[in-house]
Amino acid sequence: MRRSSTAGATTGENQPTSPGGTPPGASEVSQEQFRRALGEHAAGVVVVTATFDGDPVGVTATSFTSVSLEPPLVSFYIDGRSGTWPVIRDAGAFAVNTLAEDQRDVAARFAAKGVDRFAPPTRWHLGPEGLPLLDGVTAHVLCRTHDLLAVGDHWLVVGRVAGAGATGHERAPLLYHRGRYGRFEA
């Protein structure tokens, strides 16, 4: 596993950035403007789970994406201040559980602070390599940590896929849009 601590010093078009990371001539955006604009982007919802010293942890994420087919890589971001982050960082492996449209309560539970996320009514079981897998999800992706990269106040976690598959629960995905959970209408 690689661990990087800084990102490159260029933008996607190889333009130099200022020390704060802003392209020359660009103005700063407020956190509220940023949240509002990105809230217009609908994202799928997953719960990332791991185990460390026998204790399961999990966190809701909407930043999950595929990265590469060869080798098979996926990624997600996690807030560096999250209590779940140190366990995911040190676990060496994690599972991505893709949520179905009827699992809003699961997404909310794994996004909440100060609760035992794996206590009932959460339904789960141990999968390969002792990874906690949520029941009723549409798919599981099992990963070994490939790279960790500090990006702003978050960490980019890249996983090398060791196993993946749909669970046979053919339901629509859970989406996150404008600060709310929703569903896909074809």
C-alpha atoms as a PDB file:
ATOM      1  CA  MET A   1       0.000   0.000   0.000  1.00  0.00           C
ATOM      2  CA  ARG A   2       1.225   3.451  -0.880  1.00  0.00           C
ATOM      3  CA  ARG A   3       0.642   6.484   1.295  1.00  0.00           C
ATOM      4  CA  SER A   4       0.852   9.920  -0.221  1.00  0.00           C
ATOM      5  CA  SER A   5       0.618  13.082   1.809  1.00  0.00           C
ATOM      6  CA  THR A   6       0.273  15.757  -0.837  1.00  0.00           C
ATOM      7  CA  ALA A   7      -1.372  16.147  -4.189  1.00  0.00           C
ATOM      8  CA  GLY A   8       0.291  17.423  -7.348  1.00  0.00           C
ATOM      9  CA  ALA A   9       0.908  21.110  -7.815  1.00  0.00           C
ATOM     10  CA  THR A  10      -0.923  21.481 -11.120  1.00  0.00           C
ATOM     11  CA  THR A  11      -4.537  21.601 -12.211  1.00  0.00           C
ATOM     12  CA  GLY A  12      -6.047  19.099 -14.612  1.00  0.00           C
ATOM     13  CA  GLU A  13      -4.795  21.232 -17.518  1.00  0.00           C
ATOM     14  CA  ASN A  14      -1.249  21.488 -16.143  1.00  0.00           C
ATOM     15  CA  GLN A  15      -1.727  25.079 -15.037  1.00  0.00           C
ATOM     16  CA  PRO A  16       0.282  26.023 -11.988  1.00  0.00           C
ATOM     17  CA  THR A  17      -1.655  26.642  -8.812  1.00  0.00           C
ATOM     18  CA  SER A  18      -1.110  29.172  -6.094  1.00  0.00           C
ATOM     19  CA  PRO A  19       0.097  27.935  -2.684  1.00  0.00           C
ATOM     20  CA  GLY A  20      -3.556  27.677  -1.608  1.00  0.00           C
ATOM     21  CA  GLY A  21      -4.369  25.470  -4.588  1.00  0.00           C
ATOM     22  CA  THR A  22      -6.409  28.063  -6.510  1.00  0.00           C
ATOM     23  CA  PRO A  23      -5.630  28.570 -10.211  1.00  0.00           C
ATOM     24  CA  PRO A  24      -4.323  32.083 -10.902  1.00  0.00           C
ATOM     25  CA  GLY A  25      -7.156  34.552 -11.486  1.00  0.00           C
ATOM     26  CA  ALA A  26      -9.839  32.369  -9.874  1.00  0.00           C
ATOM     27  CA  SER A  27     -11.835  33.716  -6.949  1.00  0.00           C
ATOM     28  CA  GLU A  28     -12.473  31.831  -3.737  1.00  0.00           C
ATOM     29  CA  VAL A  29     -15.883  30.245  -3.224  1.00  0.00           C
ATOM     30  CA  SER A  30     -17.643  30.142   0.144  1.00  0.00           C
ATOM     31  CA  GLN A  31     -18.361  26.794   1.778  1.00  0.00           C
ATOM     32  CA  GLU A  32     -22.090  27.467   1.404  1.00  0.00           C
ATOM     33  CA  GLN A  33     -21.768  28.201  -2.331  1.00  0.00           C
ATOM     34  CA  PHE A  34     -19.657  25.082  -2.745  1.00  0.00           C
ATOM     35  CA  ARG A  35     -22.157  22.866  -0.884  1.00  0.00           C
ATOM     36  CA  ARG A  36     -25.118  24.316  -2.767  1.00  0.00           C
ATOM     37  CA  ALA A  37     -23.506  23.820  -6.192  1.00  0.00           C
ATOM     38  CA  LEU A  38     -22.341  20.272  -5.478  1.00  0.00           C
ATOM     39  CA  GLY A  39     -25.742  19.461  -3.974  1.00  0.00           C
ATOM     40  CA  GLU A  40     -27.070  19.595  -7.528  1.00  0.00           C
ATOM     41  CA  HIS A  41     -25.016  16.515  -8.369  1.00  0.00           C
ATOM     42  CA  ALA A  42     -26.865  13.282  -7.574  1.00  0.00           C
ATOM     43  CA  ALA A  43     -24.595  10.618  -6.124  1.00  0.00           C
ATOM     44  CA  GLY A  44     -24.976   6.969  -5.265  1.00  0.00           C
ATOM     45  CA  VAL A  45     -24.826   6.032  -1.585  1.00  0.00           C
ATOM     46  CA  VAL A  46     -22.570   3.358  -0.116  1.00  0.00           C
ATOM     47  CA  VAL A  47     -21.493   2.292   3.335  1.00  0.00           C
ATOM     48  CA  VAL A  48     -17.786   1.529   3.645  1.00  0.00           C
ATOM     49  CA  THR A  49     -17.027  -1.049   6.348  1.00  0.00           C
ATOM     50  CA  ALA A  50     -13.861  -2.436   7.887  1.00  0.00           C
ATOM     51  CA  THR A  51     -12.693  -4.313  10.956  1.00  0.00           C
ATOM     52  CA  PHE A  52      -9.763  -3.568  13.214  1.00  0.00           C
ATOM     53  CA  ASP A  53      -8.915  -5.625  16.291  1.00  0.00           C
ATOM     54  CA  GLY A  54     -12.228  -7.442  15.884  1.00  0.00           C
ATOM     55  CA  ASP A  55     -14.392  -4.335  16.011  1.00  0.00           C
ATOM     56  CA  PRO A  56     -16.481  -3.425  12.950  1.00  0.00           C
ATOM     57  CA  VAL A  57     -16.681   0.177  11.770  1.00  0.00           C
ATOM     58  CA  GLY A  58     -18.574   1.782   8.929  1.00  0.00           C
ATOM     59  CA  VAL A  59     -19.322   5.133   7.379  1.00  0.00           C
ATOM     60  CA  THR A  60     -21.745   6.422   4.749  1.00  0.00           C
ATOM     61  CA  ALA A  61     -20.099   7.808   1.610  1.00  0.00           C
ATOM     62  CA  THR A  62     -21.402   9.446  -1.548  1.00  0.00           C
ATOM     63  CA  SER A  63     -17.968   9.931  -3.104  1.00  0.00           C
ATOM     64  CA  PHE A  64     -17.482   6.306  -4.198  1.00  0.00           C
ATOM     65  CA  THR A  65     -16.295   5.803  -7.769  1.00  0.00           C
ATOM     66  CA  SER A  66     -14.468   3.397 -10.029  1.00  0.00           C
ATOM     67  CA  VAL A  67     -10.887   4.400 -10.840  1.00  0.00           C
ATOM     68  CA  SER A  68      -9.315   1.750 -13.064  1.00  0.00           C
ATOM     69  CA  LEU A  69     -10.136  -1.546 -14.752  1.00  0.00           C
ATOM     70  CA  GLU A  70      -6.503  -2.711 -14.952  1.00  0.00           C
ATOM     71  CA  PRO A  71      -5.770  -3.092 -12.156  1.00  0.00           C
ATOM     72  CA  PRO A  72      -9.309  -2.970 -10.727  1.00  0.00           C
ATOM     73  CA  LEU A  73      -9.370   0.079  -8.440  1.00  0.00           C
ATOM     74  CA  VAL A  74     -12.127   2.048  -6.695  1.00  0.00           C
ATOM     75  CA  SER A  75     -12.009   5.061  -4.409  1.00  0.00           C
ATOM     76  CA  PHE A  76     -13.919   7.141  -1.879  1.00  0.00           C
ATOM     77  CA  TYR A  77     -13.203  10.156   0.319  1.00  0.00           C
ATOM     78  CA  ILE A  78     -13.440  10.308   4.102  1.00  0.00           C
ATOM     79  CA  ASP A  79     -13.209  13.299   6.418  1.00  0.00           C
ATOM     80  CA  GLY A  80      -9.877  13.258   8.248  1.00  0.00           C
ATOM     81  CA  ARG A  81     -11.724  14.259  11.453  1.00  0.00           C
ATOM     82  CA  SER A  82     -14.032  11.239  11.307  1.00  0.00           C
ATOM     83  CA  GLY A  83     -13.718   8.806  14.196  1.00  0.00           C
ATOM     84  CA  THR A  84     -13.972   6.003  11.623  1.00  0.00           C
ATOM     85  CA  TRP A  85     -10.985   7.259   9.619  1.00  0.00           C
ATOM     86  CA  PRO A  86      -8.178   5.853  11.827  1.00  0.00           C
ATOM     87  CA  VAL A  87      -9.680   2.352  11.712  1.00  0.00           C
ATOM     88  CA  ILE A  88     -10.220   2.403   7.941  1.00  0.00           C
ATOM     89  CA  ARG A  89      -6.703   3.811   7.501  1.00  0.00           C
ATOM     90  CA  ASP A  90      -5.109   1.033   9.558  1.00  0.00           C
ATOM     91  CA  ALA A  91      -7.360  -1.912   8.646  1.00  0.00           C
ATOM     92  CA  GLY A  92      -5.670  -2.761   5.340  1.00  0.00           C
ATOM     93  CA  ALA A  93      -8.939  -3.911   3.764  1.00  0.00           C
ATOM     94  CA  PHE A  94     -12.484  -2.606   3.458  1.00  0.00           C
ATOM     95  CA  ALA A  95     -15.858  -3.458   1.924  1.00  0.00           C
ATOM     96  CA  VAL A  96     -18.121  -1.180  -0.060  1.00  0.00           C
ATOM     97  CA  ASN A  97     -21.818  -1.925   0.414  1.00  0.00           C
ATOM     98  CA  THR A  98     -24.009  -0.276  -2.255  1.00  0.00           C
ATOM     99  CA  LEU A  99     -27.351   0.713  -0.771  1.00  0.00           C
ATOM    100  CA  ALA A 100     -30.782   0.181  -2.318  1.00  0.00           C
ATOM    101  CA  GLU A 101     -33.473   2.849  -2.445  1.00  0.00           C
ATOM    102  CA  ASP A 102     -35.265   1.395   0.603  1.00  0.00           C
ATOM    103  CA  GLN A 103     -32.142   1.672   2.816  1.00  0.00           C
ATOM    104  CA  ARG A 104     -32.307   5.372   3.748  1.00  0.00           C
ATOM    105  CA  ASP A 105     -32.329   4.423   7.419  1.00  0.00           C
ATOM    106  CA  VAL A 106     -29.085   2.461   6.963  1.00  0.00           C
ATOM    107  CA  ALA A 107     -27.431   5.452   5.265  1.00  0.00           C
ATOM    108  CA  ALA A 108     -28.594   7.779   8.044  1.00  0.00           C
ATOM    109  CA  ARG A 109     -27.427   5.387  10.784  1.00  0.00           C
ATOM    110  CA  PHE A 110     -23.920   5.065   9.343  1.00  0.00           C
ATOM    111  CA  ALA A 111     -23.735   8.859   8.909  1.00  0.00           C
ATOM    112  CA  ALA A 112     -24.772   9.520  12.536  1.00  0.00           C
ATOM    113  CA  LYS A 113     -22.310  10.154  15.343  1.00  0.00           C
ATOM    114  CA  GLY A 114     -22.382   8.538  18.775  1.00  0.00           C
ATOM    115  CA  VAL A 115     -24.401   5.426  17.871  1.00  0.00           C
ATOM    116  CA  ASP A 116     -23.467   1.762  17.600  1.00  0.00           C
ATOM    117  CA  ARG A 117     -23.926   1.506  13.847  1.00  0.00           C
ATOM    118  CA  PHE A 118     -23.812  -2.304  13.870  1.00  0.00           C
ATOM    119  CA  ALA A 119     -26.373  -2.807  16.653  1.00  0.00           C
ATOM    120  CA  PRO A 120     -29.931  -3.826  15.729  1.00  0.00           C
ATOM    121  CA  PRO A 121     -31.755  -2.931  13.576  1.00  0.00           C
ATOM    122  CA  THR A 122     -28.630  -3.095  11.362  1.00  0.00           C
ATOM    123  CA  ARG A 123     -28.433  -6.509   9.717  1.00  0.00           C
ATOM    124  CA  TRP A 124     -24.952  -7.672   8.785  1.00  0.00           C
ATOM    125  CA  HIS A 125     -22.590 -10.629   8.732  1.00  0.00           C
ATOM    126  CA  LEU A 126     -18.861 -11.272   8.483  1.00  0.00           C
ATOM    127  CA  GLY A 127     -17.647 -11.906   4.957  1.00  0.00           C
ATOM    128  CA  PRO A 128     -14.276 -12.892   3.511  1.00  0.00           C
ATOM    129  CA  GLU A 129     -11.255 -11.689   5.486  1.00  0.00           C
ATOM    130  CA  GLY A 130     -13.604 -10.861   8.375  1.00  0.00           C
ATOM    131  CA  LEU A 131     -15.036  -7.823   6.600  1.00  0.00           C
ATOM    132  CA  PRO A 132     -18.468  -6.711   7.836  1.00  0.00           C
ATOM    133  CA  LEU A 133     -21.018  -6.955   5.013  1.00  0.00           C
ATOM    134  CA  LEU A 134     -24.431  -5.324   5.252  1.00  0.00           C
ATOM    135  CA  ASP A 135     -27.467  -7.442   4.417  1.00  0.00           C
ATOM    136  CA  GLY A 136     -30.007  -6.335   1.824  1.00  0.00           C
ATOM    137  CA  VAL A 137     -27.628  -4.192  -0.233  1.00  0.00           C
ATOM    138  CA  THR A 138     -27.440  -4.395  -4.025  1.00  0.00           C
ATOM    139  CA  ALA A 139     -23.716  -5.222  -4.243  1.00  0.00           C
ATOM    140  CA  HIS A 140     -20.516  -5.734  -2.255  1.00  0.00           C
ATOM    141  CA  VAL A 141     -17.039  -4.705  -3.382  1.00  0.00           C
ATOM    142  CA  LEU A 142     -14.179  -6.132  -1.301  1.00  0.00           C
ATOM    143  CA  CYS A 143     -10.911  -4.195  -1.384  1.00  0.00           C
ATOM    144  CA  ARG A 144      -7.388  -4.128  -0.082  1.00  0.00           C
ATOM    145  CA  THR A 145      -6.125  -0.633   0.622  1.00  0.00           C
ATOM    146  CA  HIS A 146      -3.983   0.434  -2.330  1.00  0.00           C
ATOM    147  CA  ASP A 147      -3.267   4.118  -1.652  1.00  0.00           C
ATOM    148  CA  LEU A 148      -4.125   6.895   0.777  1.00  0.00           C
ATOM    149  CA  LEU A 149      -3.832  10.533  -0.257  1.00  0.00           C
ATOM    150  CA  ALA A 150      -4.435  13.629   1.870  1.00  0.00           C
ATOM    151  CA  VAL A 151      -6.622  16.053  -0.088  1.00  0.00           C
ATOM    152  CA  GLY A 152      -7.723  19.158   1.822  1.00  0.00           C
ATOM    153  CA  ASP A 153      -9.558  18.122   4.982  1.00  0.00           C
ATOM    154  CA  HIS A 154     -10.361  14.675   3.531  1.00  0.00           C
ATOM    155  CA  TRP A 155      -8.439  11.546   2.618  1.00  0.00           C
ATOM    156  CA  LEU A 156      -8.770   9.812  -0.728  1.00  0.00           C
ATOM    157  CA  VAL A 157      -8.816   6.064  -0.135  1.00  0.00           C
ATOM    158  CA  VAL A 158      -8.040   3.921  -3.176  1.00  0.00           C
ATOM    159  CA  GLY A 159      -8.803   0.225  -2.936  1.00  0.00           C
ATOM    160  CA  ARG A 160      -7.673  -2.632  -5.130  1.00  0.00           C
ATOM    161  CA  VAL A 161     -10.709  -4.809  -5.742  1.00  0.00           C
ATOM    162  CA  ALA A 162     -10.258  -8.372  -4.501  1.00  0.00           C
ATOM    163  CA  GLY A 163     -13.873  -9.447  -4.964  1.00  0.00           C
ATOM    164  CA  ALA A 164     -17.140  -7.973  -6.192  1.00  0.00           C
ATOM    165  CA  GLY A 165     -20.638  -9.013  -7.000  1.00  0.00           C
ATOM    166  CA  ALA A 166     -24.282  -8.122  -7.051  1.00  0.00           C
ATOM    167  CA  THR A 167     -26.238  -9.650  -4.204  1.00  0.00           C
ATOM    168  CA  GLY A 168     -29.289 -10.598  -6.244  1.00  0.00           C
ATOM    169  CA  HIS A 169     -31.443  -7.899  -4.667  1.00  0.00           C
ATOM    170  CA  GLU A 170     -32.481  -6.214  -7.893  1.00  0.00           C
ATOM    171  CA  ARG A 171     -33.707  -2.899  -6.533  1.00  0.00           C
ATOM    172  CA  ALA A 172     -33.038   0.667  -7.596  1.00  0.00           C
ATOM    173  CA  PRO A 173     -30.044   2.437  -6.008  1.00  0.00           C
ATOM    174  CA  LEU A 174     -30.239   4.917  -3.158  1.00  0.00           C
ATOM    175  CA  LEU A 175     -29.192   8.397  -4.285  1.00  0.00           C
ATOM    176  CA  TYR A 176     -28.178  11.555  -2.438  1.00  0.00           C
ATOM    177  CA  HIS A 177     -29.273  14.889  -3.938  1.00  0.00           C
ATOM    178  CA  ARG A 178     -29.740  18.378  -2.471  1.00  0.00           C
ATOM    179  CA  GLY A 179     -29.015  17.120   1.041  1.00  0.00           C
ATOM    180  CA  ARG A 180     -31.618  14.354   0.943  1.00  0.00           C
ATOM    181  CA  TYR A 181     -31.785  10.667   0.131  1.00  0.00           C
ATOM    182  CA  GLY A 182     -33.910   9.739  -2.846  1.00  0.00           C
ATOM    183  CA  ARG A 183     -34.439   7.245  -5.606  1.00  0.00           C
ATOM    184  CA  PHE A 184     -33.942   6.886  -9.312  1.00  0.00           C
ATOM    185  CA  GLU A 185     -36.958   7.304 -11.604  1.00  0.00           C
ATOM    186  CA  ALA A 186     -36.477   5.952 -15.133  1.00  0.00           C
END
